[in-house]
Amino acid sequence: MYTQWCGPCKVIAPKFQELSKKYNDVVFLKLDCNQDNRPLAKELGIKVVPTFKILKNNKIVKEVTGAKLDDLVAAIEGVRSS
């Protein structure tokens, strides 16, 4: 989850794109938490952007907030190996 105006979101966006190419077995989706999507962002409990929610078997199993690439990679790797 990101916003167009978020500086950290802009910084991590290219790295997010690279990860989506590296992990072919993982589905990467983006949600712009703009005014139109505010109800969904609220429903998902988004308080900070960027926020990454990692799901497995349709359940949220990990969440990373902020533009923390190492934490995001560790979360992805951890979920993939479980």
PDB file of N, CA and C in Angstrom:
ATOM      1  N   MET A   1       0.848  -1.152   0.000  1.00  0.00           N
ATOM      2  CA  MET A   1       0.000   0.000   0.000  1.00  0.00           C
ATOM      3  C   MET A   1       0.904   1.229   0.000  1.00  0.00           C
ATOM      4  N   TYR A   2       0.535   2.211  -0.813  1.00  0.00           N
ATOM      5  CA  TYR A   2       1.355   3.399  -0.988  1.00  0.00           C
ATOM      6  C   TYR A   2       0.466   4.586  -1.315  1.00  0.00           C
ATOM      7  N   THR A   3       1.086   5.748  -1.406  1.00  0.00           N
ATOM      8  CA  THR A   3       0.411   6.924  -1.946  1.00  0.00           C
ATOM      9  C   THR A   3       1.349   7.580  -2.942  1.00  0.00           C
ATOM     10  N   GLN A   4       0.781   8.351  -3.849  1.00  0.00           N
ATOM     11  CA  GLN A   4       1.565   9.026  -4.886  1.00  0.00           C
ATOM     12  C   GLN A   4       2.519  10.055  -4.296  1.00  0.00           C
ATOM     13  N   TRP A   5       2.144  10.676  -3.182  1.00  0.00           N
ATOM     14  CA  TRP A   5       2.915  11.770  -2.611  1.00  0.00           C
ATOM     15  C   TRP A   5       3.940  11.325  -1.571  1.00  0.00           C
ATOM     16  N   CYS A   6       3.967  10.051  -1.242  1.00  0.00           N
ATOM     17  CA  CYS A   6       4.826   9.514  -0.178  1.00  0.00           C
ATOM     18  C   CYS A   6       6.268   9.355  -0.654  1.00  0.00           C
ATOM     19  N   GLY A   7       7.199  10.092  -0.024  1.00  0.00           N
ATOM     20  CA  GLY A   7       8.611  10.007  -0.391  1.00  0.00           C
ATOM     21  C   GLY A   7       9.200   8.613  -0.235  1.00  0.00           C
ATOM     22  N   PRO A   8       9.050   7.966   0.943  1.00  0.00           N
ATOM     23  CA  PRO A   8       9.572   6.608   1.105  1.00  0.00           C
ATOM     24  C   PRO A   8       8.954   5.610   0.116  1.00  0.00           C
ATOM     25  N   CYS A   9       7.694   5.829  -0.248  1.00  0.00           N
ATOM     26  CA  CYS A   9       7.041   4.955  -1.238  1.00  0.00           C
ATOM     27  C   CYS A   9       7.748   5.062  -2.584  1.00  0.00           C
ATOM     28  N   LYS A  10       8.108   6.282  -2.955  1.00  0.00           N
ATOM     29  CA  LYS A  10       8.806   6.504  -4.227  1.00  0.00           C
ATOM     30  C   LYS A  10      10.189   5.871  -4.209  1.00  0.00           C
ATOM     31  N   VAL A  11      10.849   5.896  -3.053  1.00  0.00           N
ATOM     32  CA  VAL A  11      12.184   5.321  -2.936  1.00  0.00           C
ATOM     33  C   VAL A  11      12.145   3.803  -3.078  1.00  0.00           C
ATOM     34  N   ILE A  12      11.182   3.156  -2.451  1.00  0.00           N
ATOM     35  CA  ILE A  12      11.153   1.690  -2.463  1.00  0.00           C
ATOM     36  C   ILE A  12      10.445   1.116  -3.700  1.00  0.00           C
ATOM     37  N   ALA A  13       9.712   1.930  -4.435  1.00  0.00           N
ATOM     38  CA  ALA A  13       8.948   1.437  -5.596  1.00  0.00           C
ATOM     39  C   ALA A  13       9.810   0.662  -6.597  1.00  0.00           C
ATOM     40  N   PRO A  14      10.982   1.172  -7.015  1.00  0.00           N
ATOM     41  CA  PRO A  14      11.791   0.396  -7.974  1.00  0.00           C
ATOM     42  C   PRO A  14      12.293  -0.923  -7.378  1.00  0.00           C
ATOM     43  N   LYS A  15      12.570  -0.928  -6.098  1.00  0.00           N
ATOM     44  CA  LYS A  15      13.024  -2.159  -5.438  1.00  0.00           C
ATOM     45  C   LYS A  15      11.872  -3.169  -5.350  1.00  0.00           C
ATOM     46  N   PHE A  16      10.667  -2.681  -5.091  1.00  0.00           N
ATOM     47  CA  PHE A  16       9.474  -3.524  -5.084  1.00  0.00           C
ATOM     48  C   PHE A  16       9.310  -4.171  -6.462  1.00  0.00           C
ATOM     49  N   GLN A  17       9.518  -3.381  -7.505  1.00  0.00           N
ATOM     50  CA  GLN A  17       9.427  -3.893  -8.882  1.00  0.00           C
ATOM     51  C   GLN A  17      10.475  -4.979  -9.123  1.00  0.00           C
ATOM     52  N   GLU A  18      11.703  -4.759  -8.642  1.00  0.00           N
ATOM     53  CA  GLU A  18      12.764  -5.757  -8.796  1.00  0.00           C
ATOM     54  C   GLU A  18      12.415  -7.050  -8.062  1.00  0.00           C
ATOM     55  N   LEU A  19      11.865  -6.917  -6.858  1.00  0.00           N
ATOM     56  CA  LEU A  19      11.477  -8.110  -6.097  1.00  0.00           C
ATOM     57  C   LEU A  19      10.391  -8.899  -6.827  1.00  0.00           C
ATOM     58  N   SER A  20       9.480  -8.178  -7.470  1.00  0.00           N
ATOM     59  CA  SER A  20       8.395  -8.866  -8.189  1.00  0.00           C
ATOM     60  C   SER A  20       8.941  -9.690  -9.352  1.00  0.00           C
ATOM     61  N   LYS A  21      10.083  -9.284  -9.897  1.00  0.00           N
ATOM     62  CA  LYS A  21      10.716 -10.053 -10.985  1.00  0.00           C
ATOM     63  C   LYS A  21      11.550 -11.196 -10.424  1.00  0.00           C
ATOM     64  N   LYS A  22      12.152 -10.972  -9.258  1.00  0.00           N
ATOM     65  CA  LYS A  22      13.007 -11.991  -8.640  1.00  0.00           C
ATOM     66  C   LYS A  22      12.199 -13.180  -8.131  1.00  0.00           C
ATOM     67  N   TYR A  23      11.068 -12.904  -7.495  1.00  0.00           N
ATOM     68  CA  TYR A  23      10.243 -13.958  -6.895  1.00  0.00           C
ATOM     69  C   TYR A  23       9.062 -14.269  -7.810  1.00  0.00           C
ATOM     70  N   ASN A  24       9.298 -15.164  -8.763  1.00  0.00           N
ATOM     71  CA  ASN A  24       8.255 -15.510  -9.737  1.00  0.00           C
ATOM     72  C   ASN A  24       7.079 -16.251  -9.113  1.00  0.00           C
ATOM     73  N   ASP A  25       7.297 -16.859  -7.960  1.00  0.00           N
ATOM     74  CA  ASP A  25       6.241 -17.637  -7.310  1.00  0.00           C
ATOM     75  C   ASP A  25       5.424 -16.805  -6.323  1.00  0.00           C
ATOM     76  N   VAL A  26       5.668 -15.492  -6.286  1.00  0.00           N
ATOM     77  CA  VAL A  26       4.970 -14.587  -5.381  1.00  0.00           C
ATOM     78  C   VAL A  26       4.194 -13.572  -6.215  1.00  0.00           C
ATOM     79  N   VAL A  27       2.968 -13.299  -5.831  1.00  0.00           N
ATOM     80  CA  VAL A  27       2.147 -12.303  -6.521  1.00  0.00           C
ATOM     81  C   VAL A  27       2.321 -10.967  -5.801  1.00  0.00           C
ATOM     82  N   PHE A  28       2.723  -9.948  -6.541  1.00  0.00           N
ATOM     83  CA  PHE A  28       2.911  -8.606  -5.999  1.00  0.00           C
ATOM     84  C   PHE A  28       1.793  -7.708  -6.509  1.00  0.00           C
ATOM     85  N   LEU A  29       1.104  -7.056  -5.595  1.00  0.00           N
ATOM     86  CA  LEU A  29       0.018  -6.138  -5.946  1.00  0.00           C
ATOM     87  C   LEU A  29       0.267  -4.803  -5.279  1.00  0.00           C
ATOM     88  N   LYS A  30      -0.237  -3.740  -5.883  1.00  0.00           N
ATOM     89  CA  LYS A  30      -0.109  -2.408  -5.303  1.00  0.00           C
ATOM     90  C   LYS A  30      -1.493  -1.796  -5.149  1.00  0.00           C
ATOM     91  N   LEU A  31      -1.665  -1.055  -4.058  1.00  0.00           N
ATOM     92  CA  LEU A  31      -2.907  -0.329  -3.820  1.00  0.00           C
ATOM     93  C   LEU A  31      -2.558   1.101  -3.466  1.00  0.00           C
ATOM     94  N   ASP A  32      -2.974   2.032  -4.304  1.00  0.00           N
ATOM     95  CA  ASP A  32      -2.791   3.451  -4.028  1.00  0.00           C
ATOM     96  C   ASP A  32      -3.854   3.853  -3.012  1.00  0.00           C
ATOM     97  N   CYS A  33      -3.413   4.245  -1.833  1.00  0.00           N
ATOM     98  CA  CYS A  33      -4.349   4.599  -0.759  1.00  0.00           C
ATOM     99  C   CYS A  33      -4.809   6.048  -0.913  1.00  0.00           C
ATOM    100  N   ASN A  34      -5.281   6.377  -2.094  1.00  0.00           N
ATOM    101  CA  ASN A  34      -5.786   7.722  -2.365  1.00  0.00           C
ATOM    102  C   ASN A  34      -7.212   7.859  -1.843  1.00  0.00           C
ATOM    103  N   GLN A  35      -7.801   8.985  -2.094  1.00  0.00           N
ATOM    104  CA  GLN A  35      -9.160   9.269  -1.604  1.00  0.00           C
ATOM    105  C   GLN A  35     -10.158   8.199  -2.049  1.00  0.00           C
ATOM    106  N   ASP A  36     -10.042   7.755  -3.296  1.00  0.00           N
ATOM    107  CA  ASP A  36     -10.978   6.758  -3.819  1.00  0.00           C
ATOM    108  C   ASP A  36     -10.870   5.419  -3.082  1.00  0.00           C
ATOM    109  N   ASN A  37      -9.667   5.084  -2.644  1.00  0.00           N
ATOM    110  CA  ASN A  37      -9.439   3.799  -1.999  1.00  0.00           C
ATOM    111  C   ASN A  37      -9.383   3.886  -0.475  1.00  0.00           C
ATOM    112  N   ARG A  38      -9.682   5.050   0.061  1.00  0.00           N
ATOM    113  CA  ARG A  38      -9.589   5.243   1.511  1.00  0.00           C
ATOM    114  C   ARG A  38     -10.426   4.229   2.300  1.00  0.00           C
ATOM    115  N   PRO A  39     -11.671   3.929   1.895  1.00  0.00           N
ATOM    116  CA  PRO A  39     -12.449   2.933   2.662  1.00  0.00           C
ATOM    117  C   PRO A  39     -11.753   1.571   2.720  1.00  0.00           C
ATOM    118  N   LEU A  40     -11.171   1.138   1.607  1.00  0.00           N
ATOM    119  CA  LEU A  40     -10.480  -0.146   1.584  1.00  0.00           C
ATOM    120  C   LEU A  40      -9.220  -0.086   2.449  1.00  0.00           C
ATOM    121  N   ALA A  41      -8.473   1.005   2.353  1.00  0.00           N
ATOM    122  CA  ALA A  41      -7.269   1.165   3.171  1.00  0.00           C
ATOM    123  C   ALA A  41      -7.631   1.122   4.654  1.00  0.00           C
ATOM    124  N   LYS A  42      -8.715   1.766   5.008  1.00  0.00           N
ATOM    125  CA  LYS A  42      -9.158   1.755   6.405  1.00  0.00           C
ATOM    126  C   LYS A  42      -9.550   0.343   6.824  1.00  0.00           C
ATOM    127  N   GLU A  43     -10.268  -0.352   5.963  1.00  0.00           N
ATOM    128  CA  GLU A  43     -10.680  -1.728   6.248  1.00  0.00           C
ATOM    129  C   GLU A  43      -9.464  -2.639   6.444  1.00  0.00           C
ATOM    130  N   LEU A  44      -8.404  -2.373   5.693  1.00  0.00           N
ATOM    131  CA  LEU A  44      -7.179  -3.165   5.795  1.00  0.00           C
ATOM    132  C   LEU A  44      -6.287  -2.727   6.959  1.00  0.00           C
ATOM    133  N   GLY A  45      -6.687  -1.656   7.641  1.00  0.00           N
ATOM    134  CA  GLY A  45      -5.935  -1.196   8.800  1.00  0.00           C
ATOM    135  C   GLY A  45      -4.664  -0.445   8.464  1.00  0.00           C
ATOM    136  N   ILE A  46      -4.636   0.203   7.308  1.00  0.00           N
ATOM    137  CA  ILE A  46      -3.439   0.930   6.881  1.00  0.00           C
ATOM    138  C   ILE A  46      -3.366   2.263   7.617  1.00  0.00           C
ATOM    139  N   LYS A  47      -2.300   2.433   8.385  1.00  0.00           N
ATOM    140  CA  LYS A  47      -2.085   3.681   9.110  1.00  0.00           C
ATOM    141  C   LYS A  47      -0.819   4.383   8.627  1.00  0.00           C
ATOM    142  N   VAL A  48       0.083   3.622   8.011  1.00  0.00           N
ATOM    143  CA  VAL A  48       1.375   4.118   7.554  1.00  0.00           C
ATOM    144  C   VAL A  48       1.600   3.622   6.128  1.00  0.00           C
ATOM    145  N   VAL A  49       2.199   4.464   5.297  1.00  0.00           N
ATOM    146  CA  VAL A  49       2.613   4.014   3.968  1.00  0.00           C
ATOM    147  C   VAL A  49       4.107   4.250   3.823  1.00  0.00           C
ATOM    148  N   PRO A  50       4.802   3.367   3.161  1.00  0.00           N
ATOM    149  CA  PRO A  50       4.278   2.137   2.572  1.00  0.00           C
ATOM    150  C   PRO A  50       4.031   1.060   3.633  1.00  0.00           C
ATOM    151  N   THR A  51       3.056   0.227   3.349  1.00  0.00           N
ATOM    152  CA  THR A  51       2.777  -0.960   4.150  1.00  0.00           C
ATOM    153  C   THR A  51       2.719  -2.147   3.206  1.00  0.00           C
ATOM    154  N   PHE A  52       3.381  -3.214   3.598  1.00  0.00           N
ATOM    155  CA  PHE A  52       3.395  -4.444   2.815  1.00  0.00           C
ATOM    156  C   PHE A  52       2.728  -5.528   3.647  1.00  0.00           C
ATOM    157  N   LYS A  53       1.696  -6.133   3.103  1.00  0.00           N
ATOM    158  CA  LYS A  53       1.012  -7.241   3.771  1.00  0.00           C
ATOM    159  C   LYS A  53       1.317  -8.496   2.964  1.00  0.00           C
ATOM    160  N   ILE A  54       1.780  -9.507   3.663  1.00  0.00           N
ATOM    161  CA  ILE A  54       2.138 -10.757   3.002  1.00  0.00           C
ATOM    162  C   ILE A  54       1.116 -11.806   3.405  1.00  0.00           C
ATOM    163  N   LEU A  55       0.494 -12.376   2.392  1.00  0.00           N
ATOM    164  CA  LEU A  55      -0.549 -13.357   2.611  1.00  0.00           C
ATOM    165  C   LEU A  55      -0.082 -14.737   2.179  1.00  0.00           C
ATOM    166  N   LYS A  56      -0.585 -15.732   2.886  1.00  0.00           N
ATOM    167  CA  LYS A  56      -0.374 -17.119   2.492  1.00  0.00           C
ATOM    168  C   LYS A  56      -1.670 -17.852   2.788  1.00  0.00           C
ATOM    169  N   ASN A  57      -2.147 -18.592   1.821  1.00  0.00           N
ATOM    170  CA  ASN A  57      -3.427 -19.294   1.949  1.00  0.00           C
ATOM    171  C   ASN A  57      -4.539 -18.320   2.336  1.00  0.00           C
ATOM    172  N   ASN A  58      -4.544 -17.159   1.704  1.00  0.00           N
ATOM    173  CA  ASN A  58      -5.569 -16.124   1.879  1.00  0.00           C
ATOM    174  C   ASN A  58      -5.604 -15.502   3.273  1.00  0.00           C
ATOM    175  N   LYS A  59      -4.511 -15.622   4.038  1.00  0.00           N
ATOM    176  CA  LYS A  59      -4.448 -15.024   5.367  1.00  0.00           C
ATOM    177  C   LYS A  59      -3.199 -14.154   5.467  1.00  0.00           C
ATOM    178  N   ILE A  60      -3.345 -13.013   6.118  1.00  0.00           N
ATOM    179  CA  ILE A  60      -2.196 -12.143   6.341  1.00  0.00           C
ATOM    180  C   ILE A  60      -1.301 -12.807   7.380  1.00  0.00           C
ATOM    181  N   VAL A  61      -0.054 -13.077   6.992  1.00  0.00           N
ATOM    182  CA  VAL A  61       0.872 -13.755   7.892  1.00  0.00           C
ATOM    183  C   VAL A  61       2.044 -12.859   8.318  1.00  0.00           C
ATOM    184  N   LYS A  62       2.296 -11.810   7.564  1.00  0.00           N
ATOM    185  CA  LYS A  62       3.361 -10.861   7.903  1.00  0.00           C
ATOM    186  C   LYS A  62       2.956  -9.474   7.426  1.00  0.00           C
ATOM    187  N   GLU A  63       3.493  -8.479   8.119  1.00  0.00           N
ATOM    188  CA  GLU A  63       3.278  -7.091   7.702  1.00  0.00           C
ATOM    189  C   GLU A  63       4.569  -6.325   7.938  1.00  0.00           C
ATOM    190  N   VAL A  64       4.959  -5.532   6.958  1.00  0.00           N
ATOM    191  CA  VAL A  64       6.136  -4.672   7.068  1.00  0.00           C
ATOM    192  C   VAL A  64       5.676  -3.255   6.790  1.00  0.00           C
ATOM    193  N   THR A  65       5.989  -2.349   7.695  1.00  0.00           N
ATOM    194  CA  THR A  65       5.641  -0.946   7.481  1.00  0.00           C
ATOM    195  C   THR A  65       6.925  -0.151   7.272  1.00  0.00           C
ATOM    196  N   GLY A  66       6.827   0.858   6.427  1.00  0.00           N
ATOM    197  CA  GLY A  66       7.985   1.680   6.108  1.00  0.00           C
ATOM    198  C   GLY A  66       8.765   1.093   4.944  1.00  0.00           C
ATOM    199  N   ALA A  67       9.690   1.888   4.429  1.00  0.00           N
ATOM    200  CA  ALA A  67      10.486   1.499   3.260  1.00  0.00           C
ATOM    201  C   ALA A  67      11.717   0.725   3.714  1.00  0.00           C
ATOM    202  N   LYS A  68      11.484  -0.405   4.363  1.00  0.00           N
ATOM    203  CA  LYS A  68      12.557  -1.228   4.938  1.00  0.00           C
ATOM    204  C   LYS A  68      12.774  -2.446   4.053  1.00  0.00           C
ATOM    205  N   LEU A  69      13.649  -2.295   3.067  1.00  0.00           N
ATOM    206  CA  LEU A  69      13.864  -3.351   2.087  1.00  0.00           C
ATOM    207  C   LEU A  69      14.331  -4.649   2.744  1.00  0.00           C
ATOM    208  N   ASP A  70      15.286  -4.573   3.658  1.00  0.00           N
ATOM    209  CA  ASP A  70      15.795  -5.794   4.293  1.00  0.00           C
ATOM    210  C   ASP A  70      14.691  -6.528   5.046  1.00  0.00           C
ATOM    211  N   ASP A  71      13.838  -5.781   5.744  1.00  0.00           N
ATOM    212  CA  ASP A  71      12.722  -6.396   6.472  1.00  0.00           C
ATOM    213  C   ASP A  71      11.724  -7.030   5.503  1.00  0.00           C
ATOM    214  N   LEU A  72      11.482  -6.365   4.385  1.00  0.00           N
ATOM    215  CA  LEU A  72      10.551  -6.887   3.387  1.00  0.00           C
ATOM    216  C   LEU A  72      11.079  -8.186   2.782  1.00  0.00           C
ATOM    217  N   VAL A  73      12.358  -8.195   2.405  1.00  0.00           N
ATOM    218  CA  VAL A  73      12.954  -9.399   1.838  1.00  0.00           C
ATOM    219  C   VAL A  73      12.922 -10.532   2.852  1.00  0.00           C
ATOM    220  N   ALA A  74      13.276 -10.246   4.106  1.00  0.00           N
ATOM    221  CA  ALA A  74      13.259 -11.271   5.151  1.00  0.00           C
ATOM    222  C   ALA A  74      11.847 -11.835   5.337  1.00  0.00           C
ATOM    223  N   ALA A  75      10.840 -10.968   5.301  1.00  0.00           N
ATOM    224  CA  ALA A  75       9.458 -11.425   5.451  1.00  0.00           C
ATOM    225  C   ALA A  75       9.048 -12.317   4.282  1.00  0.00           C
ATOM    226  N   ILE A  76       9.397 -11.905   3.076  1.00  0.00           N
ATOM    227  CA  ILE A  76       9.063 -12.708   1.889  1.00  0.00           C
ATOM    228  C   ILE A  76       9.750 -14.069   1.983  1.00  0.00           C
ATOM    229  N   GLU A  77      11.045 -14.047   2.270  1.00  0.00           N
ATOM    230  CA  GLU A  77      11.798 -15.301   2.370  1.00  0.00           C
ATOM    231  C   GLU A  77      11.232 -16.209   3.461  1.00  0.00           C
ATOM    232  N   GLY A  78      10.884 -15.620   4.589  1.00  0.00           N
ATOM    233  CA  GLY A  78      10.342 -16.402   5.687  1.00  0.00           C
ATOM    234  C   GLY A  78       9.028 -17.072   5.340  1.00  0.00           C
ATOM    235  N   VAL A  79       8.158 -16.354   4.671  1.00  0.00           N
ATOM    236  CA  VAL A  79       6.859 -16.908   4.289  1.00  0.00           C
ATOM    237  C   VAL A  79       7.026 -17.964   3.189  1.00  0.00           C
ATOM    238  N   ARG A  80       7.926 -17.715   2.266  1.00  0.00           N
ATOM    239  CA  ARG A  80       8.150 -18.688   1.177  1.00  0.00           C
ATOM    240  C   ARG A  80       8.667 -20.011   1.726  1.00  0.00           C
ATOM    241  N   SER A  81       9.474 -19.951   2.774  1.00  0.00           N
ATOM    242  CA  SER A  81      10.087 -21.181   3.297  1.00  0.00           C
ATOM    243  C   SER A  81       9.215 -21.895   4.318  1.00  0.00           C
ATOM    244  N   SER A  82       8.106 -21.281   4.692  1.00  0.00           N
ATOM    245  CA  SER A  82       7.242 -21.917   5.704  1.00  0.00           C
ATOM    246  C   SER A  82       6.206 -22.821   5.074  1.00  0.00           C
TER     247      SER A  82
END
